[in-house]
Each structure stands twice: as C-alpha cells, then as structure tokens.
Amino acid sequence: MSDFVPRIVPSPDGLTAEFYAHLAGGELRLQRCDECERWRHPPRILCAACGSARWTWRQVSGRGSVYTWTVTHQALVPPFADDLPYAVAVVELPEGPRLVTAVCVAPDALRIGLPVEVRIAPASDAIGLHYFVPRT
C-alpha cells in the first residue's frame, strides 16, 4: 500500500468522536489521566490504573515502532481488494499506548521495531484517520 485512502469511515460517538475530531484537526491526541499521568487508548471514562475520572486530551509525539502486524491476502472487505496484500499493524508509541493502524509499507518490509511516524488523512470535516509510514 503506497498511499492511504479512506475507504470506510467510522461512525463514532462519545469519546471516540472526540478522538476522531482531534485527528480531523490534524493532531493525534490521546487521553492522559490527570491523577496518575498514564496515557490510554482507546478512550474511556475511567483510568484503568487508578480509577480516576479526571483526564485531558493531549497531543502525542506521533512517532512509534511496529509492535506486531498481520497481512491480509484475501479480499474479505471489497473496498480493500485493490490493496492486496496489505498489512494492519499495532504501533507502540513512546508514551506507552498501542494503536491498531494502517501502515504504508510493503508487507515484506515490515519488521518488529520498525520506526514509524503518523500521518493523518481527512475522511470528513469531523473525522480524520491515522496511518503510519516508515520514519526516514
């Protein structure tokens, strides 16, 4: 997959809608607990570490490394048939959270620890989608 093109747009609500709205604004923001300062994703009301309901959306570095991935070889979802084979990766951010994401690199070039950085594709005025590319 050389370029990321949004093919399916989520219908987020609540905290998930806030996450996608930050992406639509051009920023990768995650929740950070105001009590214990742990980062978290996916978004949720209570901190899993300390139980606090106090948190703030904060911008993260947008850099990370490939933690794991899977390669799709069959067109199970028709809008993605032209991209076969393609990889879906889990990227670990230095802040701690891991994101399931598209990664724009040939599947045979993937390796654990591959340094990547975020890109954001607008899907609508209210929704942006993240994907990652190798860092240069």
C-alpha atoms as a PDB file:
ATOM      1  CA  MET A   1       0.000   0.000   0.000  1.00  0.00           C
ATOM      2  CA  SER A   2       1.739   3.146  -1.145  1.00  0.00           C
ATOM      3  CA  ASP A   3      -0.909   5.762  -0.308  1.00  0.00           C
ATOM      4  CA  PHE A   4      -3.593   5.758   2.344  1.00  0.00           C
ATOM      5  CA  VAL A   5      -7.076   6.370   1.023  1.00  0.00           C
ATOM      6  CA  PRO A   6     -10.005   6.259   3.461  1.00  0.00           C
ATOM      7  CA  ARG A   7     -12.388   3.603   2.185  1.00  0.00           C
ATOM      8  CA  ILE A   8     -14.582   3.026   5.221  1.00  0.00           C
ATOM      9  CA  VAL A   9     -15.411   5.912   7.535  1.00  0.00           C
ATOM     10  CA  PRO A  10     -16.355   5.123  11.142  1.00  0.00           C
ATOM     11  CA  SER A  11     -19.490   6.479  12.791  1.00  0.00           C
ATOM     12  CA  PRO A  12     -18.022   7.461  16.145  1.00  0.00           C
ATOM     13  CA  ASP A  13     -19.872   8.798  19.151  1.00  0.00           C
ATOM     14  CA  GLY A  14     -18.928   9.970  22.637  1.00  0.00           C
ATOM     15  CA  LEU A  15     -15.231   9.856  23.473  1.00  0.00           C
ATOM     16  CA  THR A  16     -14.436   8.078  20.219  1.00  0.00           C
ATOM     17  CA  ALA A  17     -15.927  11.017  18.306  1.00  0.00           C
ATOM     18  CA  GLU A  18     -13.591  13.349  20.208  1.00  0.00           C
ATOM     19  CA  PHE A  19     -10.598  11.189  19.238  1.00  0.00           C
ATOM     20  CA  TYR A  20     -11.522  11.329  15.529  1.00  0.00           C
ATOM     21  CA  ALA A  21     -12.291  15.064  15.756  1.00  0.00           C
ATOM     22  CA  HIS A  22      -8.753  15.757  17.002  1.00  0.00           C
ATOM     23  CA  LEU A  23      -7.452  13.791  14.023  1.00  0.00           C
ATOM     24  CA  ALA A  24      -9.700  15.848  11.710  1.00  0.00           C
ATOM     25  CA  GLY A  25      -7.971  18.895  13.200  1.00  0.00           C
ATOM     26  CA  GLY A  26      -4.590  17.440  12.249  1.00  0.00           C
ATOM     27  CA  GLU A  27      -3.476  16.188  15.683  1.00  0.00           C
ATOM     28  CA  LEU A  28      -3.035  12.753  17.202  1.00  0.00           C
ATOM     29  CA  ARG A  29      -4.304  13.258  20.755  1.00  0.00           C
ATOM     30  CA  LEU A  30      -4.836  10.615  23.413  1.00  0.00           C
ATOM     31  CA  GLN A  31      -6.253  10.757  26.885  1.00  0.00           C
ATOM     32  CA  ARG A  32      -3.882  11.230  29.789  1.00  0.00           C
ATOM     33  CA  CYS A  33      -5.005  10.693  33.364  1.00  0.00           C
ATOM     34  CA  ASP A  34      -4.807  13.877  35.451  1.00  0.00           C
ATOM     35  CA  GLU A  35      -4.204  11.816  38.618  1.00  0.00           C
ATOM     36  CA  CYS A  36      -1.559   9.193  37.755  1.00  0.00           C
ATOM     37  CA  GLU A  37      -0.481  10.719  34.392  1.00  0.00           C
ATOM     38  CA  ARG A  38      -0.821   7.456  32.448  1.00  0.00           C
ATOM     39  CA  TRP A  39      -1.691   7.626  28.775  1.00  0.00           C
ATOM     40  CA  ARG A  40      -4.522   5.477  27.490  1.00  0.00           C
ATOM     41  CA  HIS A  41      -6.142   4.289  24.298  1.00  0.00           C
ATOM     42  CA  PRO A  42      -8.835   3.527  23.314  1.00  0.00           C
ATOM     43  CA  PRO A  43     -10.637   6.433  25.004  1.00  0.00           C
ATOM     44  CA  ARG A  44     -12.624   5.686  28.152  1.00  0.00           C
ATOM     45  CA  ILE A  45     -14.177   7.443  31.120  1.00  0.00           C
ATOM     46  CA  LEU A  46     -12.131   5.908  33.946  1.00  0.00           C
ATOM     47  CA  CYS A  47      -8.395   5.313  34.211  1.00  0.00           C
ATOM     48  CA  ALA A  48      -7.644   1.581  34.288  1.00  0.00           C
ATOM     49  CA  ALA A  49      -4.601   2.234  36.501  1.00  0.00           C
ATOM     50  CA  CYS A  50      -6.058   4.418  39.269  1.00  0.00           C
ATOM     51  CA  GLY A  51      -9.801   4.660  38.592  1.00  0.00           C
ATOM     52  CA  SER A  52      -9.811   8.439  38.229  1.00  0.00           C
ATOM     53  CA  ALA A  53     -12.427  10.102  36.050  1.00  0.00           C
ATOM     54  CA  ARG A  54     -10.175  13.146  35.553  1.00  0.00           C
ATOM     55  CA  TRP A  55      -8.284  13.219  32.264  1.00  0.00           C
ATOM     56  CA  THR A  56      -7.230  15.532  29.453  1.00  0.00           C
ATOM     57  CA  TRP A  57      -6.768  15.056  25.709  1.00  0.00           C
ATOM     58  CA  ARG A  58      -3.077  15.683  24.990  1.00  0.00           C
ATOM     59  CA  GLN A  59      -1.072  15.583  21.798  1.00  0.00           C
ATOM     60  CA  VAL A  60       1.398  12.715  21.498  1.00  0.00           C
ATOM     61  CA  SER A  61       4.654  12.601  19.549  1.00  0.00           C
ATOM     62  CA  GLY A  62       3.215  10.760  16.563  1.00  0.00           C
ATOM     63  CA  ARG A  63       6.284   8.552  16.460  1.00  0.00           C
ATOM     64  CA  GLY A  64       6.377   4.896  17.315  1.00  0.00           C
ATOM     65  CA  SER A  65       7.568   1.463  16.332  1.00  0.00           C
ATOM     66  CA  VAL A  66       5.873  -1.564  14.855  1.00  0.00           C
ATOM     67  CA  TYR A  67       4.930  -3.906  17.681  1.00  0.00           C
ATOM     68  CA  THR A  68       3.263  -6.582  15.526  1.00  0.00           C
ATOM     69  CA  TRP A  69       1.233  -6.903  12.324  1.00  0.00           C
ATOM     70  CA  THR A  70      -0.885  -9.162  10.193  1.00  0.00           C
ATOM     71  CA  VAL A  71      -1.022  -9.363   6.412  1.00  0.00           C
ATOM     72  CA  THR A  72      -4.294  -9.761   4.542  1.00  0.00           C
ATOM     73  CA  HIS A  73      -4.090 -11.746   1.304  1.00  0.00           C
ATOM     74  CA  GLN A  74      -7.800 -12.296   0.573  1.00  0.00           C
ATOM     75  CA  ALA A  75     -10.359  -9.650  -0.360  1.00  0.00           C
ATOM     76  CA  LEU A  76     -12.653 -10.165   2.618  1.00  0.00           C
ATOM     77  CA  VAL A  77     -13.687  -6.498   2.574  1.00  0.00           C
ATOM     78  CA  PRO A  78     -14.348  -5.447  -1.049  1.00  0.00           C
ATOM     79  CA  PRO A  79     -13.199  -1.787  -0.762  1.00  0.00           C
ATOM     80  CA  PHE A  80      -9.681  -3.048   0.072  1.00  0.00           C
ATOM     81  CA  ALA A  81      -9.356  -5.605  -2.759  1.00  0.00           C
ATOM     82  CA  ASP A  82      -7.086  -3.381  -4.874  1.00  0.00           C
ATOM     83  CA  ASP A  83      -4.601  -3.081  -1.980  1.00  0.00           C
ATOM     84  CA  LEU A  84      -3.880  -6.813  -1.577  1.00  0.00           C
ATOM     85  CA  PRO A  85      -1.717  -7.847   0.093  1.00  0.00           C
ATOM     86  CA  TYR A  86      -1.794  -5.190   2.822  1.00  0.00           C
ATOM     87  CA  ALA A  87      -0.717  -5.050   6.431  1.00  0.00           C
ATOM     88  CA  VAL A  88      -2.529  -3.876   9.528  1.00  0.00           C
ATOM     89  CA  ALA A  89      -0.100  -3.109  12.324  1.00  0.00           C
ATOM     90  CA  VAL A  90      -0.026  -2.418  16.017  1.00  0.00           C
ATOM     91  CA  VAL A  91       2.222   0.585  16.603  1.00  0.00           C
ATOM     92  CA  GLU A  92       3.622   1.234  20.058  1.00  0.00           C
ATOM     93  CA  LEU A  93       4.046   4.909  20.902  1.00  0.00           C
ATOM     94  CA  PRO A  94       6.871   6.063  23.203  1.00  0.00           C
ATOM     95  CA  GLU A  95       4.151   7.420  25.501  1.00  0.00           C
ATOM     96  CA  GLY A  96       3.036   3.805  26.046  1.00  0.00           C
ATOM     97  CA  PRO A  97      -0.269   3.175  24.261  1.00  0.00           C
ATOM     98  CA  ARG A  98      -0.514   0.962  21.202  1.00  0.00           C
ATOM     99  CA  LEU A  99      -2.653   1.804  18.181  1.00  0.00           C
ATOM    100  CA  VAL A 100      -4.114  -0.594  15.627  1.00  0.00           C
ATOM    101  CA  THR A 101      -3.486   1.183  12.351  1.00  0.00           C
ATOM    102  CA  ALA A 102      -2.767   1.039   8.671  1.00  0.00           C
ATOM    103  CA  VAL A 103       0.904   1.112   7.786  1.00  0.00           C
ATOM    104  CA  CYS A 104       2.001   2.264   4.343  1.00  0.00           C
ATOM    105  CA  VAL A 105       4.871  -0.049   3.568  1.00  0.00           C
ATOM    106  CA  ALA A 106       5.192  -3.269   1.597  1.00  0.00           C
ATOM    107  CA  PRO A 107       4.313  -6.160   3.917  1.00  0.00           C
ATOM    108  CA  ASP A 108       7.686  -7.840   3.284  1.00  0.00           C
ATOM    109  CA  ALA A 109       9.457  -4.681   4.539  1.00  0.00           C
ATOM    110  CA  LEU A 110       7.805  -4.857   7.971  1.00  0.00           C
ATOM    111  CA  ARG A 111       9.800  -5.873  10.996  1.00  0.00           C
ATOM    112  CA  ILE A 112       9.324  -5.622  14.728  1.00  0.00           C
ATOM    113  CA  GLY A 113      10.737  -2.335  15.952  1.00  0.00           C
ATOM    114  CA  LEU A 114      10.472  -0.594  12.560  1.00  0.00           C
ATOM    115  CA  PRO A 115      10.424   3.154  13.359  1.00  0.00           C
ATOM    116  CA  VAL A 116       7.277   4.827  12.028  1.00  0.00           C
ATOM    117  CA  GLU A 117       5.522   8.171  12.240  1.00  0.00           C
ATOM    118  CA  VAL A 118       1.890   9.172  11.988  1.00  0.00           C
ATOM    119  CA  ARG A 119       0.112  10.696   9.054  1.00  0.00           C
ATOM    120  CA  ILE A 120      -3.496  11.856   9.108  1.00  0.00           C
ATOM    121  CA  ALA A 121      -5.996  11.526   6.274  1.00  0.00           C
ATOM    122  CA  PRO A 122      -9.158  13.623   6.398  1.00  0.00           C
ATOM    123  CA  ALA A 123     -12.265  11.478   5.952  1.00  0.00           C
ATOM    124  CA  SER A 124     -14.795  14.281   6.611  1.00  0.00           C
ATOM    125  CA  ASP A 125     -14.943  17.620   8.419  1.00  0.00           C
ATOM    126  CA  ALA A 126     -15.399  15.759  11.723  1.00  0.00           C
ATOM    127  CA  ILE A 127     -13.307  12.644  11.177  1.00  0.00           C
ATOM    128  CA  GLY A 128      -9.626  12.113  10.478  1.00  0.00           C
ATOM    129  CA  LEU A 129      -7.967   8.714  10.225  1.00  0.00           C
ATOM    130  CA  HIS A 130      -4.441   7.898  11.344  1.00  0.00           C
ATOM    131  CA  TYR A 131      -1.964   5.732   9.497  1.00  0.00           C
ATOM    132  CA  PHE A 132       1.782   5.307   9.801  1.00  0.00           C
ATOM    133  CA  VAL A 133       4.730   5.446   7.428  1.00  0.00           C
ATOM    134  CA  PRO A 134       8.373   4.468   7.989  1.00  0.00           C
ATOM    135  CA  ARG A 135      10.487   7.222   9.524  1.00  0.00           C
ATOM    136  CA  THR A 136      13.311   8.453   7.383  1.00  0.00           C
END
